[in-house]
Amino acid sequence: MSEMIKKKSFHVALSATVLVLASLGIYLSIPWSARSEEVPTETVTAETGDVEKTVEASGNVMMRDFVDIGAKVSGQVISVTVNLGDTVKAGRALVDIAPVTETGRVDSSRAQLTRLRAELAGQMAQSDFAQLQFQRQTQLKAENATREEAYESSRMNMQAAAAKVDAIQAQIEQLEASIKEYSTISEQKKITAPISGTVVAMSTSVGQMVTANRDVLMRISDLSKMTVQVPVAETDVTRLRRGMVAYFTTPGYPGKNWSGKLKQIMLLPVENTGRGGKKAYYNVLFDVENPDGALLSGMTADVRFLLDRVDDAVTIPASLVTKPDEDGMQTLKVLQHDGTVALRKVKIGLYNTRTAQVVSGLEAGERVVVPASGKH
């Protein structure tokens, strides 16, 4: 009985050994790459797409061309022909002001000018006569035929007559200047649009008293082209160049993109930056077409300045990029068609925070294993 039990135990042990050896043989027949990796639980598929290298910053949309219209004469506003939001053409009448200058003063000055011109004519005649008298006395004195007192008297009369002519002429010039000034004031009481555009601000109304060269009545802006102003950090602004393309979106129009070309990088830092250990920021400006007036001044602009771009590239998520070597090479785990995992050397090209270009070593459609640390 005990001998039968021993034989049975021997057969069980032998069967177990054969099973272990068979399993070991099957394991040894599996490629090393599959044996060294666990079955992948998450993969991403390499795709074809565009990759951009950008500098990102947020700024605001601003009016590019605008004019603040002020009063050229002091007086009372008697008419306003436009409303806020109206579109106007250059030269259109906007505001009419009744100047403080009295109309009676202009009429009085013109009457006085007429009188002085008549007085000048009479005085010039007297001056001519006095000059002839002096010439006669000069001749007689040369002939010793007149007294010295008569000669000196004629000379003084001639000089006095000439002085009166000069005085009247000065008064005439002063009056002419005053009348010209009054005429200019009269012309300036009617304010017209200096440019075509939209009335974006108004601060005047009928009956208001305004002061010349001080009060701003309204602002007109050409909204067909806007400017985007973006403060960019000193670490990024050195990578920007005039003429480079800039894209931006604004929360008011989700999914819509606008673009322009970098126009100017301001040389002085934004106020209150770059001091006390703070990073300096520099305003960067570029223009954008706005033919339909969709963009409004003050809107937020989330901007991407385009440093480089690759179209139709093989791409993978940027989270799979670790630390490429100096040649841009790194290792990825690629899922093969037979379900095994192989280590693959690939070359990484352009990449940003979201997407990376694979220059070589991977084809679109292949599946890349997501490392455990990169799983979501």
Protein backbone atom coordinates (compact mmCIF):
# COMPACT_ATOMS: atom_id res chain seq x y z
CA MET A 1 0.00 0.00 0.00
CA SER A 2 2.73 2.47 0.93
CA GLU A 3 4.62 1.53 -2.22
CA MET A 4 1.57 2.41 -4.35
CA ILE A 5 1.31 5.81 -2.61
CA LYS A 6 4.98 6.46 -3.30
CA LYS A 7 4.54 5.65 -6.99
CA LYS A 8 1.48 7.92 -7.20
CA SER A 9 3.35 10.83 -5.57
CA PHE A 10 6.23 10.30 -7.97
CA HIS A 11 3.91 10.53 -10.97
CA VAL A 12 2.26 13.73 -9.58
CA ALA A 13 5.66 15.34 -9.00
CA LEU A 14 6.81 14.30 -12.45
CA SER A 15 3.69 15.78 -14.06
CA ALA A 16 4.16 19.02 -12.18
CA THR A 17 7.77 19.23 -13.29
CA VAL A 18 6.82 18.64 -16.92
CA LEU A 19 4.14 21.33 -16.66
CA VAL A 20 6.62 23.84 -15.22
CA LEU A 21 9.17 23.03 -17.93
CA ALA A 22 6.51 23.37 -20.62
CA SER A 23 5.41 26.73 -19.24
CA LEU A 24 9.00 27.88 -19.11
CA GLY A 25 9.44 26.87 -22.75
CA ILE A 26 6.38 28.88 -23.77
CA TYR A 27 7.68 31.92 -21.83
CA LEU A 28 11.09 31.62 -23.45
CA SER A 29 9.44 31.60 -26.90
CA ILE A 30 7.84 35.08 -26.23
CA PRO A 31 9.92 38.08 -27.48
CA TRP A 32 11.92 39.77 -24.79
CA SER A 33 10.17 43.09 -25.31
CA ALA A 34 6.82 41.53 -24.45
CA ARG A 35 8.22 39.68 -21.44
CA SER A 36 9.87 42.80 -20.01
CA GLU A 37 6.70 44.91 -20.17
CA GLU A 38 3.34 44.56 -18.60
CA VAL A 39 0.39 44.47 -20.93
CA PRO A 40 -0.19 48.17 -21.75
CA THR A 41 -3.35 49.61 -20.24
CA GLU A 42 -3.28 52.95 -22.11
CA THR A 43 -1.92 54.01 -25.49
CA VAL A 44 -2.15 57.03 -27.79
CA THR A 45 -2.13 56.94 -31.55
CA ALA A 46 0.40 58.99 -33.51
CA GLU A 47 -1.48 61.39 -35.80
CA THR A 48 -0.78 63.80 -38.64
CA GLY A 49 -1.12 67.49 -37.87
CA ASP A 50 0.51 70.90 -37.62
CA VAL A 51 2.88 71.90 -34.83
CA GLU A 52 3.63 75.49 -33.84
CA LYS A 53 6.26 76.97 -31.55
CA THR A 54 4.81 80.12 -30.03
CA VAL A 55 5.18 82.76 -27.35
CA GLU A 56 1.87 83.16 -25.55
CA ALA A 57 0.66 86.26 -23.71
CA SER A 58 -2.56 88.14 -22.96
CA GLY A 59 -3.31 91.76 -23.86
CA ASN A 60 -6.12 93.99 -25.06
CA VAL A 61 -7.64 95.28 -28.27
CA MET A 62 -7.28 99.05 -28.68
CA MET A 63 -8.38 101.73 -31.14
CA ARG A 64 -5.63 102.40 -33.65
CA ASP A 65 -6.70 105.66 -35.36
CA PHE A 66 -8.80 108.16 -33.42
CA VAL A 67 -9.15 111.91 -32.98
CA ASP A 68 -10.30 113.81 -29.90
CA ILE A 69 -12.29 116.82 -31.11
CA GLY A 70 -12.14 119.95 -28.98
CA ALA A 71 -13.62 123.43 -29.07
CA LYS A 72 -11.60 125.96 -31.06
CA VAL A 73 -13.59 128.90 -29.74
CA SER A 74 -15.12 129.70 -26.39
CA GLY A 75 -18.87 129.96 -26.35
CA GLN A 76 -22.14 128.08 -26.08
CA VAL A 77 -23.02 124.92 -28.01
CA ILE A 78 -26.10 125.67 -30.10
CA SER A 79 -26.36 122.43 -32.10
CA VAL A 80 -25.01 118.85 -32.13
CA THR A 81 -25.72 116.88 -35.31
CA VAL A 82 -24.43 113.41 -34.35
CA ASN A 83 -25.11 110.79 -31.70
CA LEU A 84 -22.90 108.25 -29.98
CA GLY A 85 -22.24 105.32 -32.33
CA ASP A 86 -22.94 107.26 -35.54
CA THR A 87 -20.68 106.67 -38.54
CA VAL A 88 -19.51 109.94 -40.12
CA LYS A 89 -17.56 111.00 -43.19
CA ALA A 90 -14.64 113.43 -43.03
CA GLY A 91 -15.91 117.00 -43.36
CA ARG A 92 -19.37 116.37 -41.92
CA ALA A 93 -20.70 119.09 -39.58
CA LEU A 94 -20.70 117.95 -35.97
CA VAL A 95 -21.14 120.88 -33.58
CA ASP A 96 -22.02 124.58 -33.90
CA ILE A 97 -20.87 127.03 -31.22
CA ALA A 98 -22.01 130.60 -30.64
CA PRO A 99 -18.72 132.41 -29.83
CA VAL A 100 -18.44 134.71 -26.83
CA THR A 101 -17.08 137.44 -29.14
CA GLU A 102 -19.81 140.02 -29.84
CA THR A 103 -20.87 140.51 -33.42
CA GLY A 104 -21.11 144.26 -32.70
CA ARG A 105 -17.39 144.43 -32.07
CA VAL A 106 -16.71 143.17 -35.58
CA ASP A 107 -19.04 145.75 -37.14
CA SER A 108 -17.53 148.53 -35.01
CA SER A 109 -14.00 147.53 -36.03
CA ARG A 110 -14.91 147.58 -39.70
CA ALA A 111 -16.46 151.05 -39.38
CA GLN A 112 -13.39 152.32 -37.55
CA LEU A 113 -11.19 150.83 -40.26
CA THR A 114 -13.08 152.78 -42.94
CA ARG A 115 -12.65 156.03 -40.98
CA LEU A 116 -8.94 155.45 -40.47
CA ARG A 117 -8.35 154.75 -44.15
CA ALA A 118 -10.01 158.08 -45.01
CA GLU A 119 -7.95 159.82 -42.33
CA LEU A 120 -4.82 158.19 -43.72
CA ALA A 121 -5.53 159.55 -47.18
CA GLY A 122 -5.86 163.13 -45.81
CA GLN A 123 -2.77 162.79 -43.66
CA MET A 124 -0.72 161.47 -46.57
CA ALA A 125 -1.73 164.54 -48.57
CA GLN A 126 -0.58 166.78 -45.71
CA SER A 127 2.66 164.82 -45.50
CA ASP A 128 3.30 165.30 -49.21
CA PHE A 129 2.64 169.06 -48.87
CA ALA A 130 4.94 169.28 -45.84
CA GLN A 131 7.67 167.54 -47.78
CA LEU A 132 7.33 170.00 -50.68
CA GLN A 133 7.53 172.91 -48.23
CA PHE A 134 10.68 171.48 -46.72
CA GLN A 135 12.25 171.01 -50.14
CA ARG A 136 11.41 174.68 -50.98
CA GLN A 137 12.92 175.90 -47.74
CA THR A 138 16.01 173.78 -48.34
CA GLN A 139 16.47 175.46 -51.75
CA LEU A 140 15.95 178.94 -50.34
CA LYS A 141 18.39 178.26 -47.54
CA ALA A 142 21.00 177.28 -50.08
CA GLU A 143 20.42 180.65 -51.79
CA ASN A 144 20.48 182.49 -48.46
CA ALA A 145 16.94 183.67 -49.14
CA THR A 146 15.11 182.39 -46.02
CA ARG A 147 15.45 182.56 -42.30
CA GLU A 148 16.72 179.60 -40.23
CA GLU A 149 13.51 179.53 -38.21
CA ALA A 150 11.42 179.00 -41.36
CA TYR A 151 13.69 176.21 -42.54
CA GLU A 152 13.56 174.35 -39.19
CA SER A 153 9.80 174.81 -38.94
CA SER A 154 9.26 173.21 -42.37
CA ARG A 155 11.52 170.30 -41.46
CA MET A 156 9.62 169.64 -38.22
CA ASN A 157 6.25 169.89 -40.01
CA MET A 158 7.40 167.31 -42.58
CA GLN A 159 8.57 164.87 -39.87
CA ALA A 160 5.36 165.33 -37.82
CA ALA A 161 3.19 164.67 -40.90
CA ALA A 162 5.16 161.50 -41.71
CA ALA A 163 4.82 160.30 -38.08
CA LYS A 164 1.05 160.78 -38.21
CA VAL A 165 0.92 158.70 -41.40
CA ASP A 166 2.85 155.90 -39.67
CA ALA A 167 0.58 156.04 -36.62
CA ILE A 168 -2.59 155.79 -38.69
CA GLN A 169 -1.13 152.92 -40.72
CA ALA A 170 -0.31 151.07 -37.46
CA GLN A 171 -3.89 151.49 -36.26
CA ILE A 172 -5.18 150.19 -39.58
CA GLU A 173 -2.95 147.11 -39.39
CA GLN A 174 -4.12 146.43 -35.84
CA LEU A 175 -7.77 146.67 -36.81
CA GLU A 176 -7.24 144.46 -39.86
CA ALA A 177 -5.61 141.82 -37.63
CA SER A 178 -8.52 141.99 -35.18
CA ILE A 179 -11.09 141.65 -37.96
CA LYS A 180 -9.16 138.70 -39.40
CA GLU A 181 -9.14 137.10 -35.97
CA TYR A 182 -12.87 137.63 -35.61
CA SER A 183 -13.40 136.10 -39.05
CA THR A 184 -11.29 133.07 -38.08
CA ILE A 185 -13.30 132.66 -34.91
CA SER A 186 -16.48 132.84 -36.93
CA GLU A 187 -15.20 130.09 -39.21
CA GLN A 188 -14.10 127.93 -36.29
CA LYS A 189 -17.45 127.99 -34.55
CA LYS A 190 -18.61 125.23 -36.91
CA ILE A 191 -16.76 122.00 -36.06
CA THR A 192 -16.50 119.30 -38.74
CA ALA A 193 -15.19 115.72 -38.67
CA PRO A 194 -11.44 115.62 -39.42
CA ILE A 195 -11.55 111.90 -40.32
CA SER A 196 -14.13 109.32 -41.34
CA GLY A 197 -15.09 106.92 -38.57
CA THR A 198 -17.44 106.20 -35.69
CA VAL A 199 -18.37 108.49 -32.81
CA VAL A 200 -17.13 106.37 -29.89
CA ALA A 201 -17.36 108.97 -27.10
CA MET A 202 -19.34 112.18 -26.53
CA SER A 203 -19.13 114.78 -23.78
CA THR A 204 -21.13 117.69 -25.16
CA SER A 205 -24.76 118.74 -25.49
CA VAL A 206 -26.78 121.70 -26.66
CA GLY A 207 -26.55 124.64 -24.27
CA GLN A 208 -23.20 123.66 -22.80
CA MET A 209 -20.56 126.37 -22.37
CA VAL A 210 -17.18 125.34 -23.73
CA THR A 211 -13.68 126.80 -23.55
CA ALA A 212 -11.34 126.98 -26.53
CA ASN A 213 -8.42 124.52 -26.56
CA ARG A 214 -9.51 122.92 -23.30
CA ASP A 215 -12.83 121.09 -23.59
CA VAL A 216 -13.00 117.81 -25.59
CA LEU A 217 -16.40 117.44 -27.23
CA MET A 218 -16.19 113.93 -28.71
CA ARG A 219 -13.90 111.20 -30.06
CA ILE A 220 -14.08 109.75 -33.56
CA SER A 221 -12.29 106.50 -34.37
CA ASP A 222 -11.75 104.46 -37.52
CA LEU A 223 -12.75 101.01 -36.25
CA SER A 224 -11.96 99.18 -39.50
CA LYS A 225 -8.46 98.48 -38.17
CA MET A 226 -7.57 97.90 -34.53
CA THR A 227 -4.33 97.56 -32.56
CA VAL A 228 -3.56 94.79 -30.07
CA GLN A 229 -1.29 95.72 -27.17
CA VAL A 230 0.34 92.80 -25.35
CA PRO A 231 2.72 92.97 -22.37
CA VAL A 232 5.37 90.25 -22.94
CA ALA A 233 7.83 89.06 -20.30
CA GLU A 234 11.50 89.94 -20.74
CA THR A 235 12.35 86.24 -21.06
CA ASP A 236 10.14 85.95 -24.15
CA VAL A 237 10.26 89.39 -25.78
CA THR A 238 13.83 88.79 -26.97
CA ARG A 239 12.50 86.01 -29.23
CA LEU A 240 10.06 88.29 -31.02
CA ARG A 241 10.80 90.12 -34.26
CA ARG A 242 9.01 92.83 -36.24
CA GLY A 243 6.86 91.35 -39.02
CA MET A 244 6.30 87.96 -37.38
CA VAL A 245 2.75 86.56 -37.41
CA ALA A 246 0.59 86.83 -34.30
CA TYR A 247 -2.71 85.01 -33.73
CA PHE A 248 -5.24 85.77 -31.04
CA THR A 249 -8.65 84.81 -29.75
CA THR A 250 -11.02 86.74 -27.52
CA PRO A 251 -13.59 85.37 -25.03
CA GLY A 252 -16.38 87.22 -26.79
CA TYR A 253 -16.02 85.05 -29.93
CA PRO A 254 -15.10 81.49 -28.84
CA GLY A 255 -13.34 79.51 -31.58
CA LYS A 256 -12.71 82.51 -33.84
CA ASN A 257 -9.13 83.50 -34.67
CA TRP A 258 -7.72 86.85 -35.77
CA SER A 259 -4.21 87.49 -37.03
CA GLY A 260 -1.80 90.32 -37.72
CA LYS A 261 1.91 91.07 -38.00
CA LEU A 262 4.04 92.40 -35.18
CA LYS A 263 4.50 96.13 -35.71
CA GLN A 264 6.44 97.43 -32.73
CA ILE A 265 8.15 96.41 -29.50
CA MET A 266 8.20 99.28 -27.02
CA LEU A 267 11.66 100.06 -25.69
CA LEU A 268 10.60 101.03 -22.16
CA PRO A 269 9.12 98.47 -19.74
CA VAL A 270 5.50 98.54 -18.68
CA GLU A 271 4.94 100.80 -15.67
CA ASN A 272 5.59 99.16 -12.30
CA THR A 273 7.47 96.20 -13.81
CA GLY A 274 11.18 95.43 -13.70
CA ARG A 275 11.62 96.96 -10.26
CA GLY A 276 12.19 95.49 -6.83
CA GLY A 277 13.10 92.10 -8.22
CA LYS A 278 9.98 91.93 -10.41
CA LYS A 279 10.19 90.62 -13.96
CA ALA A 280 10.07 93.34 -16.63
CA TYR A 281 7.34 93.33 -19.29
CA TYR A 282 7.38 95.18 -22.62
CA ASN A 283 4.33 96.20 -24.63
CA VAL A 284 4.21 94.61 -28.08
CA LEU A 285 1.88 96.07 -30.73
CA PHE A 286 0.35 94.65 -33.89
CA ASP A 287 -2.58 95.71 -36.10
CA VAL A 288 -5.57 93.60 -37.08
CA GLU A 289 -8.23 94.16 -39.74
CA ASN A 290 -11.73 94.72 -38.33
CA PRO A 291 -13.98 95.37 -41.36
CA ASP A 292 -17.19 94.20 -39.69
CA GLY A 293 -16.51 96.06 -36.43
CA ALA A 294 -16.69 92.84 -34.38
CA LEU A 295 -13.65 93.75 -32.28
CA LEU A 296 -14.27 96.42 -29.65
CA SER A 297 -11.74 98.47 -27.76
CA GLY A 298 -10.80 96.88 -24.44
CA MET A 299 -11.54 93.27 -25.42
CA THR A 300 -9.16 90.66 -24.02
CA ALA A 301 -6.76 89.15 -26.57
CA ASP A 302 -5.10 85.79 -25.90
CA VAL A 303 -2.13 86.04 -28.25
CA ARG A 304 0.25 83.51 -29.79
CA PHE A 305 3.33 84.93 -31.52
CA LEU A 306 4.44 82.37 -34.12
CA LEU A 307 8.15 81.49 -33.77
CA ASP A 308 8.13 78.38 -36.00
CA ARG A 309 5.66 75.99 -37.65
CA VAL A 310 5.65 72.52 -39.25
CA ASP A 311 2.69 71.38 -41.36
CA ASP A 312 1.45 67.77 -41.84
CA ALA A 313 3.87 66.32 -39.29
CA VAL A 314 3.64 63.02 -37.39
CA THR A 315 2.57 64.14 -33.92
CA ILE A 316 2.24 62.78 -30.42
CA PRO A 317 1.14 64.47 -27.19
CA ALA A 318 3.88 66.67 -25.73
CA SER A 319 3.48 64.83 -22.41
CA LEU A 320 5.30 61.86 -23.99
CA VAL A 321 8.41 63.97 -24.61
CA THR A 322 10.89 63.47 -21.77
CA LYS A 323 14.40 64.76 -22.30
CA PRO A 324 15.59 64.33 -25.90
CA ASP A 325 19.37 64.21 -26.29
CA GLU A 326 21.35 66.79 -28.22
CA ASP A 327 20.30 65.12 -31.47
CA GLY A 328 16.64 65.19 -30.45
CA MET A 329 16.49 61.42 -29.88
CA GLN A 330 14.52 59.70 -27.14
CA THR A 331 12.99 56.26 -26.51
CA LEU A 332 9.27 55.48 -26.78
CA LYS A 333 7.40 52.25 -26.11
CA VAL A 334 5.46 51.29 -29.24
CA LEU A 335 2.71 48.67 -29.33
CA GLN A 336 3.33 46.21 -32.19
CA HIS A 337 0.66 44.60 -34.39
CA ASP A 338 1.09 41.28 -32.55
CA GLY A 339 0.36 42.90 -29.20
CA THR A 340 3.95 43.04 -28.05
CA VAL A 341 5.71 46.21 -26.88
CA ALA A 342 8.97 47.33 -28.47
CA LEU A 343 11.37 50.07 -27.41
CA ARG A 344 11.78 52.52 -30.29
CA LYS A 345 14.29 55.33 -30.80
CA VAL A 346 12.53 58.36 -32.29
CA LYS A 347 13.66 61.86 -33.17
CA ILE A 348 11.67 64.71 -31.68
CA GLY A 349 11.41 67.96 -33.66
CA LEU A 350 9.30 71.03 -32.90
CA TYR A 351 7.07 70.84 -29.84
CA ASN A 352 4.99 73.03 -27.58
CA THR A 353 3.04 72.48 -24.38
CA ARG A 354 0.41 70.36 -26.19
CA THR A 355 1.88 68.64 -29.25
CA ALA A 356 5.26 67.32 -30.40
CA GLN A 357 6.57 66.55 -33.89
CA VAL A 358 8.20 63.15 -34.50
CA VAL A 359 10.76 63.59 -37.27
CA SER A 360 11.65 59.90 -37.64
CA GLY A 361 11.16 56.52 -35.98
CA LEU A 362 7.37 56.56 -35.85
CA GLU A 363 4.57 56.52 -38.41
CA ALA A 364 1.11 58.02 -38.20
CA GLY A 365 -1.34 55.43 -36.91
CA GLU A 366 1.14 53.60 -34.66
CA ARG A 367 0.22 53.34 -30.99
CA VAL A 368 2.54 54.60 -28.26
CA VAL A 369 2.32 53.31 -24.70
CA VAL A 370 1.59 56.01 -22.13
CA PRO A 371 4.01 55.71 -19.18
CA ALA A 372 2.47 55.06 -15.80
CA SER A 373 3.39 58.56 -14.65
CA GLY A 374 1.68 60.04 -17.71
CA LYS A 375 -1.64 58.22 -17.33
CA HIS A 376 -4.72 60.23 -16.56
